[in-house]
């Protein structure tokens, strides 16, 4: 059950990364859809987005790579580590009661259950931050906060 929470939290957090990129693109290039010429090295040239719609369709690892380029948001690369997500989310992942570790075929040495719970907390910490960003964006873009007279 905790593994499922981790996976759902991870996927939801990755769906909420676009406002960070939209803000960065707007500040740097004047448009949320303008990704400019600087892209993460690990994103293949053919996969590089031209707009937010294309960004939304990227694999999560590539979305996270873009967010890691935004000043101040670098920790999301650690909180949303795609390799760790794949290891934890692997179908063979289970809690080995003899050793007390969460192990899988991908990671036979695994991690302690406490470390695993820390990973779950980290994903939900990131998700909580992203929800606050979405909320603040919505408030700031409200017509109620137009120019002051």
N, C-alpha and C. Protein backbone atom coordinates (compact mmCIF):
# COMPACT_ATOMS: atom_id res chain seq x y z
N UNK A 1 0.82 -1.18 0.00
CA UNK A 1 0.00 0.00 0.00
C UNK A 1 0.88 1.26 0.00
N UNK A 2 1.94 1.26 0.79
CA UNK A 2 2.83 2.43 0.85
C UNK A 2 3.54 2.61 -0.49
N UNK A 3 3.92 1.50 -1.13
CA UNK A 3 4.54 1.59 -2.46
C UNK A 3 3.58 2.25 -3.45
N UNK A 4 2.31 1.88 -3.39
CA UNK A 4 1.32 2.49 -4.29
C UNK A 4 1.18 3.98 -4.01
N UNK A 5 1.18 4.37 -2.73
CA UNK A 5 1.13 5.79 -2.39
C UNK A 5 2.32 6.53 -2.98
N UNK A 6 3.50 5.91 -2.85
CA UNK A 6 4.72 6.51 -3.41
C UNK A 6 4.56 6.71 -4.92
N UNK A 7 4.14 5.67 -5.61
CA UNK A 7 4.00 5.76 -7.06
C UNK A 7 2.99 6.82 -7.47
N UNK A 8 1.83 6.83 -6.81
CA UNK A 8 0.80 7.81 -7.15
C UNK A 8 1.27 9.23 -6.85
N UNK A 9 1.94 9.41 -5.71
CA UNK A 9 2.47 10.72 -5.37
C UNK A 9 3.51 11.19 -6.36
N UNK A 10 4.39 10.27 -6.78
CA UNK A 10 5.42 10.59 -7.76
C UNK A 10 4.80 11.03 -9.08
N UNK A 11 3.86 10.24 -9.57
CA UNK A 11 3.22 10.56 -10.86
C UNK A 11 2.46 11.88 -10.80
N UNK A 12 1.75 12.11 -9.72
CA UNK A 12 0.99 13.35 -9.58
C UNK A 12 1.93 14.54 -9.49
N UNK A 13 3.03 14.41 -8.76
CA UNK A 13 4.00 15.51 -8.67
C UNK A 13 4.56 15.83 -10.06
N UNK A 14 4.85 14.81 -10.84
CA UNK A 14 5.39 15.04 -12.19
C UNK A 14 4.37 15.73 -13.10
N UNK A 15 3.09 15.50 -12.85
CA UNK A 15 2.04 16.18 -13.62
C UNK A 15 1.93 17.65 -13.25
N UNK A 16 2.46 18.02 -12.09
CA UNK A 16 2.34 19.39 -11.59
C UNK A 16 3.61 20.21 -11.80
N UNK A 17 4.54 19.75 -12.61
CA UNK A 17 5.81 20.46 -12.81
C UNK A 17 5.70 21.60 -13.83
N UNK A 18 4.70 21.55 -14.68
CA UNK A 18 4.62 22.52 -15.77
C UNK A 18 4.57 23.98 -15.33
N UNK A 19 3.92 24.35 -14.19
CA UNK A 19 3.93 25.77 -13.83
C UNK A 19 5.33 26.32 -13.55
N UNK A 20 6.21 25.47 -13.02
CA UNK A 20 7.58 25.90 -12.77
C UNK A 20 8.28 26.23 -14.08
N UNK A 21 8.06 25.38 -15.07
CA UNK A 21 8.68 25.59 -16.38
C UNK A 21 8.03 26.78 -17.09
N UNK A 22 6.72 26.89 -16.99
CA UNK A 22 6.02 28.02 -17.62
C UNK A 22 6.52 29.34 -17.05
N UNK A 23 6.69 29.41 -15.74
CA UNK A 23 7.18 30.63 -15.11
C UNK A 23 8.60 30.94 -15.55
N UNK A 24 9.45 29.92 -15.57
CA UNK A 24 10.85 30.12 -15.98
C UNK A 24 10.91 30.59 -17.43
N UNK A 25 10.15 29.95 -18.31
CA UNK A 25 10.15 30.35 -19.72
C UNK A 25 9.65 31.79 -19.90
N UNK A 26 8.63 32.16 -19.13
CA UNK A 26 8.07 33.51 -19.23
C UNK A 26 9.07 34.54 -18.74
N UNK A 27 9.72 34.27 -17.63
CA UNK A 27 10.70 35.21 -17.07
C UNK A 27 11.89 35.36 -18.03
N UNK A 28 12.38 34.26 -18.55
CA UNK A 28 13.59 34.30 -19.39
C UNK A 28 13.32 34.73 -20.82
N UNK A 29 12.17 34.28 -21.39
CA UNK A 29 11.96 34.49 -22.82
C UNK A 29 10.62 35.14 -23.18
N UNK A 30 9.84 35.50 -22.18
CA UNK A 30 8.61 36.24 -22.42
C UNK A 30 7.39 35.41 -22.78
N UNK A 31 7.52 34.10 -22.87
CA UNK A 31 6.39 33.25 -23.22
C UNK A 31 6.52 31.91 -22.50
N UNK A 32 5.42 31.40 -21.94
CA UNK A 32 5.50 30.10 -21.26
C UNK A 32 5.83 28.96 -22.22
N UNK A 33 5.55 29.14 -23.50
CA UNK A 33 5.81 28.09 -24.49
C UNK A 33 7.20 28.15 -25.12
N UNK A 34 7.99 29.16 -24.79
CA UNK A 34 9.30 29.33 -25.41
C UNK A 34 10.38 28.66 -24.57
N UNK A 35 10.88 27.52 -25.05
CA UNK A 35 11.91 26.76 -24.33
C UNK A 35 13.33 27.19 -24.70
N UNK A 36 13.46 28.09 -25.65
CA UNK A 36 14.79 28.58 -26.01
C UNK A 36 15.70 27.50 -26.55
N UNK A 37 17.00 27.76 -26.46
CA UNK A 37 17.99 26.85 -27.03
C UNK A 37 18.72 26.02 -25.98
N UNK A 38 18.51 26.29 -24.70
CA UNK A 38 19.22 25.56 -23.65
C UNK A 38 18.32 24.44 -23.12
N UNK A 39 18.76 23.21 -23.34
CA UNK A 39 18.00 22.04 -22.90
C UNK A 39 18.91 21.12 -22.09
N UNK A 40 18.34 20.31 -21.21
CA UNK A 40 19.17 19.35 -20.46
C UNK A 40 19.87 18.39 -21.43
N UNK A 41 21.11 18.08 -21.12
CA UNK A 41 21.89 17.19 -22.00
C UNK A 41 21.24 15.83 -22.19
N UNK A 42 20.60 15.30 -21.16
CA UNK A 42 20.05 13.95 -21.26
C UNK A 42 18.74 13.86 -22.04
N UNK A 43 18.19 14.99 -22.45
CA UNK A 43 16.97 14.98 -23.27
C UNK A 43 17.39 14.95 -24.74
N UNK A 44 17.07 13.86 -25.44
CA UNK A 44 17.46 13.77 -26.85
C UNK A 44 16.87 14.92 -27.66
N UNK A 45 17.59 15.32 -28.68
CA UNK A 45 17.16 16.46 -29.48
C UNK A 45 15.75 16.30 -30.03
N UNK A 46 15.39 15.11 -30.45
CA UNK A 46 14.05 14.88 -31.01
C UNK A 46 12.95 14.97 -29.97
N UNK A 47 13.29 14.84 -28.70
CA UNK A 47 12.29 14.87 -27.62
C UNK A 47 12.14 16.27 -27.00
N UNK A 48 12.99 17.21 -27.38
CA UNK A 48 12.97 18.54 -26.76
C UNK A 48 11.68 19.27 -27.11
N UNK A 49 10.96 19.73 -26.10
CA UNK A 49 9.65 20.35 -26.34
C UNK A 49 9.77 21.73 -26.98
N UNK A 50 8.75 22.03 -27.78
CA UNK A 50 8.65 23.36 -28.40
C UNK A 50 7.61 24.22 -27.68
N UNK A 51 6.79 23.57 -26.85
CA UNK A 51 5.75 24.29 -26.10
C UNK A 51 5.36 23.46 -24.87
N UNK A 52 4.50 24.04 -24.04
CA UNK A 52 4.10 23.35 -22.80
C UNK A 52 3.32 22.07 -23.07
N UNK A 53 2.55 22.05 -24.14
CA UNK A 53 1.80 20.83 -24.48
C UNK A 53 2.77 19.67 -24.75
N UNK A 54 3.84 19.95 -25.49
CA UNK A 54 4.85 18.91 -25.76
C UNK A 54 5.60 18.54 -24.47
N UNK A 55 5.84 19.54 -23.63
CA UNK A 55 6.50 19.27 -22.34
C UNK A 55 5.66 18.30 -21.51
N UNK A 56 4.36 18.52 -21.50
CA UNK A 56 3.45 17.69 -20.72
C UNK A 56 3.48 16.23 -21.17
N UNK A 57 3.84 15.99 -22.42
CA UNK A 57 3.86 14.63 -22.97
C UNK A 57 5.21 13.93 -22.81
N UNK A 58 6.20 14.65 -22.27
CA UNK A 58 7.52 14.05 -22.06
C UNK A 58 7.48 12.98 -20.98
N UNK A 59 8.40 12.00 -21.05
CA UNK A 59 8.56 11.08 -19.92
C UNK A 59 8.96 11.87 -18.67
N UNK A 60 8.58 11.38 -17.51
CA UNK A 60 8.84 12.10 -16.26
C UNK A 60 10.31 12.44 -16.06
N UNK A 61 11.21 11.54 -16.42
CA UNK A 61 12.64 11.80 -16.22
C UNK A 61 13.07 13.06 -16.97
N UNK A 62 12.53 13.29 -18.15
CA UNK A 62 12.89 14.48 -18.92
C UNK A 62 12.26 15.73 -18.31
N UNK A 63 11.02 15.63 -17.83
CA UNK A 63 10.38 16.77 -17.16
C UNK A 63 11.22 17.19 -15.95
N UNK A 64 11.63 16.21 -15.18
CA UNK A 64 12.42 16.48 -13.98
C UNK A 64 13.75 17.15 -14.35
N UNK A 65 14.35 16.73 -15.46
CA UNK A 65 15.61 17.33 -15.92
C UNK A 65 15.42 18.81 -16.24
N UNK A 66 14.29 19.16 -16.84
CA UNK A 66 14.02 20.58 -17.12
C UNK A 66 13.83 21.37 -15.83
N UNK A 67 13.09 20.81 -14.88
CA UNK A 67 12.85 21.51 -13.61
C UNK A 67 14.18 21.71 -12.87
N UNK A 68 15.08 20.75 -12.96
CA UNK A 68 16.38 20.86 -12.28
C UNK A 68 17.20 22.03 -12.81
N UNK A 69 16.86 22.55 -13.99
CA UNK A 69 17.58 23.70 -14.55
C UNK A 69 17.06 25.03 -14.01
N UNK A 70 15.91 25.00 -13.35
CA UNK A 70 15.30 26.23 -12.84
C UNK A 70 15.94 26.58 -11.50
N UNK A 71 16.55 27.77 -11.40
CA UNK A 71 17.18 28.15 -10.13
C UNK A 71 16.20 28.07 -8.95
N UNK A 72 16.64 27.38 -7.91
CA UNK A 72 15.82 27.22 -6.72
C UNK A 72 15.01 25.93 -6.69
N UNK A 73 14.83 25.31 -7.83
CA UNK A 73 14.02 24.08 -7.88
C UNK A 73 14.88 22.83 -8.11
N UNK A 74 16.19 22.96 -8.01
CA UNK A 74 17.09 21.83 -8.22
C UNK A 74 16.80 20.63 -7.31
N UNK A 75 16.36 20.85 -6.05
CA UNK A 75 16.10 19.70 -5.17
C UNK A 75 15.03 18.74 -5.68
N UNK A 76 14.19 19.19 -6.61
CA UNK A 76 13.17 18.29 -7.14
C UNK A 76 13.80 17.11 -7.87
N UNK A 77 15.00 17.29 -8.39
CA UNK A 77 15.67 16.17 -9.07
C UNK A 77 15.98 15.06 -8.07
N UNK A 78 16.28 15.43 -6.83
CA UNK A 78 16.54 14.43 -5.80
C UNK A 78 15.24 13.86 -5.24
N UNK A 79 14.25 14.73 -4.98
CA UNK A 79 12.97 14.25 -4.45
C UNK A 79 12.26 13.34 -5.43
N UNK A 80 12.37 13.66 -6.71
CA UNK A 80 11.67 12.88 -7.74
C UNK A 80 12.69 12.12 -8.59
N UNK A 81 13.48 11.30 -7.93
CA UNK A 81 14.51 10.53 -8.62
C UNK A 81 13.85 9.39 -9.40
N UNK A 82 13.95 9.45 -10.72
CA UNK A 82 13.27 8.48 -11.57
C UNK A 82 13.81 7.06 -11.41
N UNK A 83 15.11 6.92 -11.18
CA UNK A 83 15.67 5.58 -10.98
C UNK A 83 15.12 4.95 -9.71
N UNK A 84 15.07 5.77 -8.65
CA UNK A 84 14.53 5.27 -7.39
C UNK A 84 13.06 4.91 -7.55
N UNK A 85 12.32 5.72 -8.29
CA UNK A 85 10.90 5.43 -8.54
C UNK A 85 10.75 4.11 -9.27
N UNK A 86 11.60 3.88 -10.26
CA UNK A 86 11.52 2.62 -11.01
C UNK A 86 11.87 1.42 -10.13
N UNK A 87 12.84 1.60 -9.24
CA UNK A 87 13.21 0.51 -8.34
C UNK A 87 12.09 0.22 -7.35
N UNK A 88 11.56 1.26 -6.72
CA UNK A 88 10.50 1.08 -5.73
C UNK A 88 9.23 0.58 -6.41
N UNK A 89 8.94 1.12 -7.59
CA UNK A 89 7.71 0.76 -8.28
C UNK A 89 7.78 -0.54 -9.05
N UNK A 90 8.96 -1.16 -9.10
CA UNK A 90 9.12 -2.41 -9.84
C UNK A 90 8.18 -3.47 -9.28
N UNK A 91 7.66 -4.27 -10.16
CA UNK A 91 6.67 -5.29 -9.76
C UNK A 91 7.20 -6.25 -8.70
N UNK A 92 8.51 -6.45 -8.65
CA UNK A 92 9.06 -7.40 -7.68
C UNK A 92 9.39 -6.74 -6.34
N UNK A 93 9.20 -5.44 -6.20
CA UNK A 93 9.52 -4.77 -4.94
C UNK A 93 8.64 -5.31 -3.82
N UNK A 94 9.28 -5.62 -2.70
CA UNK A 94 8.53 -6.12 -1.55
C UNK A 94 9.33 -5.90 -0.26
N UNK A 95 8.63 -5.98 0.85
CA UNK A 95 9.26 -5.83 2.15
C UNK A 95 9.70 -7.21 2.61
N UNK A 96 11.01 -7.42 2.66
CA UNK A 96 11.57 -8.69 3.11
C UNK A 96 11.53 -8.70 4.63
N UNK A 97 10.64 -9.48 5.19
CA UNK A 97 10.45 -9.47 6.64
C UNK A 97 11.66 -10.01 7.40
N UNK A 98 12.46 -10.88 6.76
CA UNK A 98 13.64 -11.42 7.45
C UNK A 98 14.71 -10.35 7.64
N UNK A 99 14.91 -9.51 6.63
CA UNK A 99 15.96 -8.49 6.72
C UNK A 99 15.40 -7.12 7.11
N UNK A 100 14.09 -6.94 6.94
CA UNK A 100 13.48 -5.64 7.23
C UNK A 100 13.71 -4.62 6.13
N UNK A 101 14.21 -5.08 4.97
CA UNK A 101 14.52 -4.16 3.88
C UNK A 101 13.49 -4.27 2.77
N UNK A 102 13.32 -3.17 2.03
CA UNK A 102 12.49 -3.17 0.83
C UNK A 102 13.43 -3.49 -0.31
N UNK A 103 13.19 -4.62 -0.98
CA UNK A 103 14.09 -5.11 -2.03
C UNK A 103 13.28 -5.37 -3.31
N UNK A 104 14.02 -5.47 -4.42
CA UNK A 104 13.41 -5.83 -5.70
C UNK A 104 14.48 -6.48 -6.57
N UNK A 105 14.07 -7.00 -7.71
CA UNK A 105 15.04 -7.55 -8.66
C UNK A 105 16.03 -6.48 -9.09
N UNK A 106 15.51 -5.24 -9.21
CA UNK A 106 16.34 -4.11 -9.64
C UNK A 106 17.33 -3.69 -8.56
N UNK A 107 16.97 -3.90 -7.31
CA UNK A 107 17.79 -3.48 -6.17
C UNK A 107 17.76 -4.56 -5.09
N UNK A 108 18.55 -5.64 -5.29
CA UNK A 108 18.53 -6.74 -4.32
C UNK A 108 19.00 -6.33 -2.92
N UNK A 109 19.88 -5.32 -2.81
CA UNK A 109 20.32 -4.89 -1.48
C UNK A 109 19.26 -4.01 -0.83
N UNK A 110 18.46 -3.34 -1.64
CA UNK A 110 17.32 -2.57 -1.17
C UNK A 110 17.65 -1.43 -0.23
N UNK A 111 16.66 -1.09 0.57
CA UNK A 111 16.78 -0.02 1.56
C UNK A 111 15.97 -0.42 2.77
N UNK A 112 16.28 0.18 3.90
CA UNK A 112 15.50 -0.14 5.09
C UNK A 112 14.07 0.37 4.90
N UNK A 113 13.16 -0.19 5.67
CA UNK A 113 11.77 0.26 5.58
C UNK A 113 11.66 1.71 6.00
N UNK A 114 12.45 2.13 6.97
CA UNK A 114 12.44 3.52 7.41
C UNK A 114 12.93 4.45 6.28
N UNK A 115 13.98 4.04 5.57
CA UNK A 115 14.45 4.82 4.42
C UNK A 115 13.36 4.91 3.35
N UNK A 116 12.67 3.81 3.13
CA UNK A 116 11.58 3.78 2.17
C UNK A 116 10.49 4.77 2.56
N UNK A 117 10.10 4.77 3.84
CA UNK A 117 9.09 5.72 4.31
C UNK A 117 9.57 7.16 4.14
N UNK A 118 10.87 7.38 4.31
CA UNK A 118 11.45 8.71 4.07
C UNK A 118 11.32 9.13 2.61
N UNK A 119 11.48 8.17 1.69
CA UNK A 119 11.30 8.46 0.27
C UNK A 119 9.86 8.85 -0.03
N UNK A 120 8.92 8.15 0.60
CA UNK A 120 7.50 8.46 0.42
C UNK A 120 7.23 9.87 0.94
N UNK A 121 7.75 10.18 2.11
CA UNK A 121 7.58 11.52 2.67
C UNK A 121 8.17 12.58 1.75
N UNK A 122 9.34 12.30 1.18
CA UNK A 122 9.98 13.26 0.26
C UNK A 122 9.12 13.56 -0.96
N UNK A 123 8.51 12.53 -1.52
CA UNK A 123 7.65 12.73 -2.69
C UNK A 123 6.45 13.59 -2.31
N UNK A 124 5.88 13.32 -1.15
CA UNK A 124 4.71 14.11 -0.74
C UNK A 124 5.09 15.51 -0.29
N UNK A 125 6.31 15.71 0.17
CA UNK A 125 6.80 17.06 0.45
C UNK A 125 6.89 17.85 -0.85
N UNK A 126 7.44 17.22 -1.88
CA UNK A 126 7.51 17.86 -3.19
C UNK A 126 6.13 18.16 -3.73
N UNK A 127 5.23 17.22 -3.60
CA UNK A 127 3.86 17.41 -4.08
C UNK A 127 3.18 18.55 -3.33
N UNK A 128 3.39 18.63 -2.03
CA UNK A 128 2.81 19.71 -1.24
C UNK A 128 3.33 21.07 -1.71
N UNK A 129 4.61 21.16 -1.99
CA UNK A 129 5.19 22.40 -2.51
C UNK A 129 4.58 22.77 -3.85
N UNK A 130 4.43 21.78 -4.72
CA UNK A 130 3.86 22.04 -6.04
C UNK A 130 2.40 22.50 -5.95
N UNK A 131 1.65 21.94 -5.02
CA UNK A 131 0.26 22.37 -4.83
C UNK A 131 0.22 23.83 -4.38
N UNK A 132 1.15 24.22 -3.52
CA UNK A 132 1.21 25.62 -3.09
C UNK A 132 1.56 26.54 -4.26
N UNK A 133 2.45 26.10 -5.14
CA UNK A 133 2.79 26.88 -6.34
C UNK A 133 1.56 27.03 -7.23
N UNK A 134 0.83 25.93 -7.45
CA UNK A 134 -0.38 25.99 -8.26
C UNK A 134 -1.40 26.95 -7.65
N UNK A 135 -1.57 26.87 -6.34
CA UNK A 135 -2.51 27.74 -5.65
C UNK A 135 -2.10 29.20 -5.80
N UNK A 136 -0.84 29.49 -5.56
CA UNK A 136 -0.36 30.87 -5.67
C UNK A 136 -0.49 31.39 -7.11
N UNK A 137 -0.24 30.53 -8.08
CA UNK A 137 -0.39 30.92 -9.49
C UNK A 137 -1.84 31.26 -9.81
N UNK A 138 -2.72 30.46 -9.28
CA UNK A 138 -4.14 30.70 -9.54
C UNK A 138 -4.59 32.01 -8.89
N UNK A 139 -4.17 32.26 -7.67
CA UNK A 139 -4.53 33.50 -7.00
C UNK A 139 -3.95 34.69 -7.75
N UNK A 140 -2.68 34.60 -8.11
CA UNK A 140 -2.02 35.72 -8.80
C UNK A 140 -2.63 36.01 -10.16
N UNK A 141 -3.16 34.99 -10.82
CA UNK A 141 -3.73 35.20 -12.15
C UNK A 141 -5.23 35.53 -12.11
N UNK A 142 -5.79 35.63 -10.92
CA UNK A 142 -7.21 35.93 -10.77
C UNK A 142 -7.50 37.36 -11.22
N UNK A 143 -8.62 37.56 -11.89
CA UNK A 143 -8.98 38.93 -12.29
C UNK A 143 -9.22 39.85 -11.07
N UNK A 144 -9.43 39.26 -9.91
CA UNK A 144 -9.60 40.06 -8.70
C UNK A 144 -8.31 40.79 -8.30
N UNK A 145 -7.19 40.36 -8.83
CA UNK A 145 -5.90 40.97 -8.50
C UNK A 145 -5.35 41.74 -9.69
N UNK A 146 -6.21 42.49 -10.31
CA UNK A 146 -5.79 43.33 -11.45
C UNK A 146 -4.99 44.52 -10.99
N UNK A 147 -4.73 45.46 -11.90
CA UNK A 147 -3.95 46.66 -11.55
C UNK A 147 -4.65 47.47 -10.46
N UNK A 148 -3.86 48.01 -9.58
CA UNK A 148 -4.40 48.84 -8.50
C UNK A 148 -4.61 50.26 -9.01
N UNK A 149 -5.63 50.89 -8.51
CA UNK A 149 -5.91 52.26 -8.93
C UNK A 149 -5.53 53.24 -7.85
